[in-house]
Amino acid sequence: MQAELRNISTHGLLRLPEYIRLWKDKRITSTPDYIIVHESPSTALVDGGKGLGLVTAPKAMQLAIEKAKTAGTGWVAVRNSYHFGIAGYYAMKALEHDMIGITMTNANPLVAPTFSLNGMLGTNPIAVAIPAGEEPPFVADFATSPVSRGKVDVFESLGQPTPEGLLQNNKGELTTDSSILRNGGALRTLGGDVAHGGHKGFCLTAIVDILSAVLPGANFGPTVVPTLAYVKDKTKAKDNGIGHFFGAMRIDAFQTAEEFKAGMDQWIRTFRQAQPIAGQERVIIPGDPERESEKEKMEKGIRISRKSFEGLMDIADQLGVDFDESGFEG
């Protein structure tokens, strides 16, 4: 629901059919064993027990917060887990504790590293939530690829091309064909080619892959066993799921929370007052669009896509659940 409210619908109800399919295929369990494998005063390794990240991740982020309360910072790596929705949801849990929250995860191998013909990395998002005083918090929540897989799926469902420069076909050539991921194509790295910083995008995505997967012992890069029906499993690796990485940093381990939040207010206002380029109304602070969307939808309701609506009806039919359409309009 947070994904829908914050206008990140590619990670909201649209994903529910995928989750149900994974459960039916026995790739995930609805009652996972959450096990702390190893820990120190400020760190922990968690095994998610083949549960959805939606179940495992809230516990892991809370563990990072609890460790930060005593050690100043807390870091928790998770393996044997699956998709956890929007990264920002977990990072924002640190805000109410006057902490900085950090979240990242690896994903299906759909992103081609610089000069690579094939997809070998996930879209690997990062989220960082930083509290402020009088201003709303700074919340950066973004894929380290130039576009998320979910957005490409939306373009495909609407019969629209994906914007130029984001996709390549199975020959490594640029394409706008939104169905190309089903036909051996791949997402490009953030920046695309070297001239536009694509190698830096590769570095950013790789860092997430290492911290989220290699560190906890999850499947990394191309060894991730795909959760998408149209992505072939080329490695036949043992399925240790994907991995997540969570961090919480207590502000008063550095300076008083009041001083820091006053500084953040000043930082935010400085950039809010920046002169926008022609045709733009303002300079947007990370977190503004999502916060504004959440406020509007809490008042007016959530509009979901026809594909999401049909997906819900199909799931209800499969599971023999009564589907009450009275809350839907249009």
Protein backbone atom coordinates (compact mmCIF):
# COMPACT_ATOMS: atom_id res chain seq x y z
CA MET A 1 0.00 0.00 0.00
CA GLN A 2 2.90 2.35 0.67
CA ALA A 3 4.09 1.74 -2.89
CA GLU A 4 0.65 2.67 -4.24
CA LEU A 5 0.34 5.70 -1.98
CA ARG A 6 3.82 6.97 -2.87
CA ASN A 7 3.15 6.59 -6.62
CA ILE A 8 5.59 3.69 -7.02
CA SER A 9 2.83 1.44 -8.32
CA THR A 10 5.34 -0.70 -10.25
CA HIS A 11 6.13 -2.22 -6.83
CA GLY A 12 2.58 -2.29 -5.48
CA LEU A 13 -0.44 -4.40 -6.39
CA LEU A 14 1.08 -5.04 -9.81
CA ARG A 15 3.50 -7.45 -8.10
CA LEU A 16 0.87 -9.52 -6.27
CA PRO A 17 0.32 -12.04 -9.14
CA GLU A 18 4.08 -12.61 -9.22
CA TYR A 19 4.13 -13.31 -5.48
CA ILE A 20 1.22 -15.74 -5.77
CA ARG A 21 2.97 -17.57 -8.62
CA LEU A 22 6.17 -17.92 -6.58
CA TRP A 23 4.12 -19.32 -3.68
CA LYS A 24 2.33 -21.80 -5.96
CA ASP A 25 5.67 -22.88 -7.44
CA LYS A 26 6.97 -23.43 -3.88
CA ARG A 27 9.76 -20.92 -4.44
CA ILE A 28 8.60 -19.02 -1.34
CA THR A 29 6.79 -19.92 1.85
CA SER A 30 4.12 -17.87 3.61
CA THR A 31 5.51 -18.92 7.02
CA PRO A 32 9.29 -18.49 6.75
CA ASP A 33 11.76 -19.28 9.53
CA TYR A 34 13.52 -16.00 10.32
CA ILE A 35 16.92 -16.95 11.75
CA ILE A 36 19.74 -14.73 13.02
CA VAL A 37 22.73 -16.74 11.82
CA HIS A 38 25.47 -14.55 13.26
CA GLU A 39 25.66 -11.22 15.03
CA SER A 40 27.90 -8.72 16.78
CA PRO A 41 26.87 -5.67 18.84
CA SER A 42 26.40 -3.62 15.67
CA THR A 43 25.87 -6.22 12.90
CA ALA A 44 23.84 -9.31 12.06
CA LEU A 45 23.41 -11.89 9.33
CA VAL A 46 19.82 -13.08 8.84
CA ASP A 47 18.46 -16.04 6.89
CA GLY A 48 15.03 -15.19 5.52
CA GLY A 49 13.90 -18.80 5.26
CA LYS A 50 12.62 -18.41 1.68
CA GLY A 51 10.03 -15.88 2.69
CA LEU A 52 9.06 -12.75 0.82
CA GLY A 53 11.16 -9.74 1.72
CA LEU A 54 7.84 -8.12 2.66
CA VAL A 55 7.87 -10.47 5.69
CA THR A 56 11.60 -10.62 6.44
CA ALA A 57 12.71 -7.06 5.73
CA PRO A 58 10.67 -5.23 8.42
CA LYS A 59 12.20 -7.48 11.09
CA ALA A 60 15.71 -7.01 9.70
CA MET A 61 15.37 -3.22 9.57
CA GLN A 62 14.05 -3.17 13.13
CA LEU A 63 17.05 -5.24 14.20
CA ALA A 64 19.38 -2.69 12.60
CA ILE A 65 17.57 0.09 14.49
CA GLU A 66 17.82 -1.76 17.81
CA LYS A 67 21.54 -2.32 17.32
CA ALA A 68 22.02 1.35 16.46
CA LYS A 69 20.33 2.34 19.73
CA THR A 70 23.17 0.72 21.68
CA ALA A 71 26.11 0.73 19.26
CA GLY A 72 25.50 4.00 17.39
CA THR A 73 25.04 2.22 14.08
CA GLY A 74 23.38 -1.05 13.10
CA TRP A 75 23.94 -3.12 9.94
CA VAL A 76 21.97 -6.21 8.95
CA ALA A 77 22.53 -8.36 5.85
CA VAL A 78 19.84 -10.82 4.71
CA ARG A 79 20.04 -13.90 2.48
CA ASN A 80 17.50 -16.47 1.29
CA SER A 81 14.83 -13.82 0.81
CA TYR A 82 12.80 -12.49 -2.13
CA HIS A 83 11.29 -9.26 -3.43
CA PHE A 84 10.62 -6.75 -0.65
CA GLY A 85 8.61 -4.04 -2.42
CA ILE A 86 9.87 -0.46 -2.19
CA ALA A 87 13.23 0.09 -0.51
CA GLY A 88 12.22 3.46 0.90
CA TYR A 89 9.59 1.90 3.17
CA TYR A 90 12.31 0.29 5.29
CA ALA A 91 14.77 3.17 5.24
CA MET A 92 12.02 5.49 6.49
CA LYS A 93 11.48 3.34 9.58
CA ALA A 94 14.65 4.89 11.01
CA LEU A 95 13.28 8.46 10.84
CA GLU A 96 11.06 8.22 13.92
CA HIS A 97 14.14 7.25 15.95
CA ASP A 98 16.19 10.27 14.83
CA MET A 99 18.31 7.95 12.71
CA ILE A 100 19.42 7.80 9.11
CA GLY A 101 18.07 4.71 7.36
CA ILE A 102 19.77 2.92 4.47
CA THR A 103 18.32 0.04 2.45
CA MET A 104 19.37 -1.85 -0.66
CA THR A 105 18.64 -5.15 -2.43
CA ASN A 106 19.71 -7.14 -5.46
CA ALA A 107 17.24 -8.53 -7.98
CA ASN A 108 16.66 -10.51 -11.19
CA PRO A 109 19.65 -10.33 -13.62
CA LEU A 110 18.26 -7.94 -16.23
CA VAL A 111 20.90 -5.17 -16.36
CA ALA A 112 23.84 -5.52 -18.75
CA PRO A 113 27.14 -4.25 -17.28
CA THR A 114 29.13 -1.84 -19.43
CA PHE A 115 30.18 -3.62 -22.66
CA SER A 116 28.21 -6.78 -21.71
CA LEU A 117 25.85 -8.43 -24.17
CA ASN A 118 23.68 -10.03 -21.50
CA GLY A 119 21.82 -8.97 -18.38
CA MET A 120 23.91 -9.93 -15.35
CA LEU A 121 22.81 -7.59 -12.55
CA GLY A 122 19.54 -6.53 -10.99
CA THR A 123 18.01 -3.07 -10.99
CA ASN A 124 19.41 -3.06 -7.43
CA PRO A 125 17.70 -0.11 -5.68
CA ILE A 126 19.11 2.04 -2.91
CA ALA A 127 17.06 4.06 -0.42
CA VAL A 128 18.38 6.60 2.08
CA ALA A 129 16.07 8.40 4.52
CA ILE A 130 17.42 11.37 6.49
CA PRO A 131 15.35 13.26 9.10
CA ALA A 132 14.98 17.02 9.12
CA GLY A 133 13.48 19.47 11.61
CA GLU A 134 10.75 21.75 10.27
CA GLU A 135 11.19 20.48 6.71
CA PRO A 136 9.97 17.06 5.53
CA PRO A 137 12.64 14.33 5.57
CA PHE A 138 15.02 13.73 2.69
CA VAL A 139 14.10 10.37 1.14
CA ALA A 140 16.01 9.09 -1.89
CA ASP A 141 14.56 5.81 -3.23
CA PHE A 142 15.79 4.80 -6.66
CA ALA A 143 16.87 1.92 -8.88
CA THR A 144 20.55 2.01 -9.81
CA SER A 145 19.53 1.22 -13.38
CA PRO A 146 18.07 4.06 -15.48
CA VAL A 147 14.60 2.53 -15.29
CA SER A 148 13.01 -0.16 -13.12
CA ARG A 149 11.85 -3.44 -14.62
CA GLY A 150 8.35 -2.62 -13.41
CA LYS A 151 8.23 0.55 -15.52
CA VAL A 152 9.24 -1.40 -18.62
CA ASP A 153 6.42 -3.85 -17.81
CA VAL A 154 4.00 -0.92 -17.64
CA PHE A 155 5.16 0.43 -21.01
CA GLU A 156 4.69 -3.06 -22.47
CA SER A 157 1.20 -3.46 -20.98
CA LEU A 158 0.18 -0.11 -22.50
CA GLY A 159 1.65 -1.00 -25.88
CA GLN A 160 4.08 1.92 -25.63
CA PRO A 161 7.80 2.06 -26.48
CA THR A 162 10.33 2.53 -23.70
CA PRO A 163 12.23 5.84 -23.99
CA GLU A 164 15.44 5.72 -26.02
CA GLY A 165 18.72 4.70 -24.47
CA LEU A 166 17.37 2.45 -21.72
CA LEU A 167 17.19 -0.97 -23.39
CA GLN A 168 19.33 -3.15 -25.65
CA ASN A 169 18.41 -6.23 -27.70
CA ASN A 170 20.16 -9.61 -27.67
CA LYS A 171 22.81 -8.21 -30.02
CA GLY A 172 23.61 -5.30 -27.71
CA GLU A 173 21.91 -2.79 -29.99
CA LEU A 174 19.76 0.04 -28.61
CA THR A 175 16.02 -0.52 -28.83
CA THR A 176 12.76 0.98 -27.58
CA ASP A 177 10.89 -2.36 -27.79
CA SER A 178 9.24 -2.70 -24.38
CA SER A 179 8.91 -6.48 -24.79
CA ILE A 180 12.64 -6.96 -25.41
CA LEU A 181 13.33 -8.37 -21.92
CA ARG A 182 11.20 -11.36 -22.92
CA ASN A 183 13.39 -11.91 -25.97
CA GLY A 184 16.90 -11.95 -24.55
CA GLY A 185 17.30 -8.19 -24.26
CA ALA A 186 18.55 -6.27 -21.24
CA LEU A 187 18.35 -2.99 -19.40
CA ARG A 188 21.39 -0.76 -19.84
CA THR A 189 23.34 0.64 -16.91
CA LEU A 190 22.62 4.10 -15.55
CA GLY A 191 24.30 6.44 -18.05
CA GLY A 192 24.35 3.85 -20.83
CA ASP A 193 27.66 4.10 -22.62
CA VAL A 194 31.04 5.17 -21.23
CA ALA A 195 30.76 8.66 -22.72
CA HIS A 196 27.68 9.26 -20.57
CA GLY A 197 29.01 7.60 -17.41
CA GLY A 198 27.61 4.09 -17.93
CA HIS A 199 30.67 2.61 -16.23
CA LYS A 200 29.78 4.61 -13.12
CA GLY A 201 26.27 3.20 -13.24
CA PHE A 202 27.82 -0.28 -13.41
CA CYS A 203 29.88 0.52 -10.31
CA LEU A 204 26.82 1.72 -8.40
CA THR A 205 24.77 -1.37 -9.26
CA ALA A 206 27.72 -3.65 -8.47
CA ILE A 207 28.19 -2.11 -5.01
CA VAL A 208 24.56 -2.93 -4.17
CA ASP A 209 25.00 -6.48 -5.49
CA ILE A 210 28.07 -7.07 -3.32
CA LEU A 211 26.66 -5.63 -0.10
CA SER A 212 23.21 -7.19 -0.57
CA ALA A 213 24.20 -10.60 -1.92
CA VAL A 214 27.90 -11.48 -1.67
CA LEU A 215 28.18 -10.24 1.92
CA PRO A 216 25.26 -12.31 3.32
CA GLY A 217 25.77 -15.28 0.98
CA ALA A 218 22.72 -14.84 -1.25
CA ASN A 219 22.75 -15.45 -4.99
CA PHE A 220 24.53 -12.55 -6.68
CA GLY A 221 24.44 -11.07 -10.18
CA PRO A 222 23.80 -13.70 -12.86
CA THR A 223 23.56 -16.53 -10.28
CA VAL A 224 20.22 -15.18 -9.04
CA VAL A 225 17.61 -17.82 -9.82
CA PRO A 226 15.04 -15.73 -11.75
CA THR A 227 11.60 -15.14 -10.29
CA LEU A 228 10.30 -14.01 -13.67
CA ALA A 229 8.84 -16.62 -15.99
CA TYR A 230 10.43 -15.00 -19.06
CA VAL A 231 14.00 -14.89 -17.69
CA LYS A 232 15.92 -18.11 -18.30
CA ASP A 233 18.01 -19.62 -15.50
CA LYS A 234 21.38 -19.94 -17.22
CA THR A 235 23.50 -20.84 -14.20
CA LYS A 236 21.50 -23.63 -12.50
CA ALA A 237 22.89 -22.30 -9.22
CA LYS A 238 21.57 -23.37 -5.83
CA ASP A 239 18.72 -21.07 -4.89
CA ASN A 240 19.81 -19.04 -1.86
CA GLY A 241 17.34 -16.32 -2.78
CA ILE A 242 18.25 -12.68 -3.20
CA GLY A 243 19.75 -10.54 -0.46
CA HIS A 244 19.07 -7.25 1.27
CA PHE A 245 21.22 -4.84 3.27
CA PHE A 246 19.90 -2.54 5.99
CA GLY A 247 21.59 0.21 7.95
CA ALA A 248 20.59 2.57 10.74
CA MET A 249 22.81 5.42 11.99
CA ARG A 250 21.97 7.26 15.19
CA ILE A 251 22.41 10.98 14.54
CA ASP A 252 23.43 11.75 18.10
CA ALA A 253 26.40 9.43 17.64
CA PHE A 254 27.82 12.33 15.59
CA GLN A 255 26.14 15.50 16.91
CA THR A 256 22.90 16.35 18.66
CA ALA A 257 19.81 15.46 16.67
CA GLU A 258 18.54 19.04 17.01
CA GLU A 259 21.72 20.53 15.54
CA PHE A 260 21.75 18.07 12.67
CA LYS A 261 18.08 18.51 11.81
CA ALA A 262 18.51 22.28 11.84
CA GLY A 263 21.38 21.80 9.40
CA MET A 264 19.21 19.57 7.22
CA ASP A 265 16.49 22.24 7.20
CA GLN A 266 19.06 24.72 5.96
CA TRP A 267 20.32 22.27 3.33
CA ILE A 268 16.81 21.55 2.05
CA ARG A 269 15.82 25.23 1.93
CA THR A 270 19.01 26.10 0.07
CA PHE A 271 18.12 23.71 -2.73
CA ARG A 272 14.42 24.60 -2.66
CA GLN A 273 15.44 28.20 -3.38
CA ALA A 274 17.57 27.23 -6.36
CA GLN A 275 16.48 28.92 -9.57
CA PRO A 276 14.79 26.37 -11.84
CA ILE A 277 15.53 26.11 -15.54
CA ALA A 278 13.04 27.47 -18.06
CA GLY A 279 9.85 25.45 -18.16
CA GLN A 280 10.26 24.00 -14.68
CA GLU A 281 8.34 25.28 -11.67
CA ARG A 282 10.84 24.30 -8.96
CA VAL A 283 13.82 22.22 -7.94
CA ILE A 284 12.53 19.03 -6.33
CA ILE A 285 14.05 17.62 -3.14
CA PRO A 286 14.27 13.81 -3.00
CA GLY A 287 11.10 12.55 -1.33
CA ASP A 288 8.89 15.49 -2.37
CA PRO A 289 6.93 13.76 -5.17
CA GLU A 290 6.27 10.63 -3.11
CA ARG A 291 5.21 12.59 -0.03
CA GLU A 292 2.86 14.79 -2.06
CA SER A 293 1.39 11.74 -3.78
CA GLU A 294 0.79 10.04 -0.43
CA LYS A 295 -1.02 13.09 0.93
CA GLU A 296 -3.26 13.40 -2.13
CA LYS A 297 -4.13 9.70 -2.29
CA MET A 298 -4.94 9.52 1.40
CA GLU A 299 -7.57 12.18 0.69
CA LYS A 300 -8.84 11.12 -2.74
CA GLY A 301 -8.11 7.39 -2.91
CA ILE A 302 -5.73 5.29 -4.97
CA ARG A 303 -6.21 4.88 -8.70
CA ILE A 304 -4.86 1.53 -9.87
CA SER A 305 -4.21 0.36 -13.41
CA ARG A 306 -6.58 -1.89 -15.29
CA LYS A 307 -3.82 -4.54 -15.28
CA SER A 308 -3.58 -4.42 -11.47
CA PHE A 309 -7.36 -4.60 -11.13
CA GLU A 310 -7.60 -7.60 -13.45
CA GLY A 311 -4.71 -9.22 -11.61
CA LEU A 312 -6.59 -8.93 -8.32
CA MET A 313 -9.73 -10.42 -9.86
CA ASP A 314 -7.74 -13.31 -11.31
CA ILE A 315 -6.07 -14.06 -7.97
CA ALA A 316 -9.42 -13.98 -6.18
CA ASP A 317 -10.78 -16.44 -8.74
CA GLN A 318 -7.77 -18.76 -8.39
CA LEU A 319 -7.98 -18.85 -4.60
CA GLY A 320 -11.77 -18.86 -4.28
CA VAL A 321 -11.85 -15.51 -2.50
CA ASP A 322 -14.88 -13.21 -2.82
CA PHE A 323 -13.85 -10.07 -4.66
CA ASP A 324 -15.73 -7.02 -3.42
CA GLU A 325 -15.76 -4.41 -6.18
CA SER A 326 -17.80 -1.88 -4.19
CA GLY A 327 -14.73 0.13 -3.26
CA PHE A 328 -13.68 0.58 -6.89
CA GLU A 329 -14.90 3.30 -9.20
CA GLY A 330 -14.55 3.59 -12.96
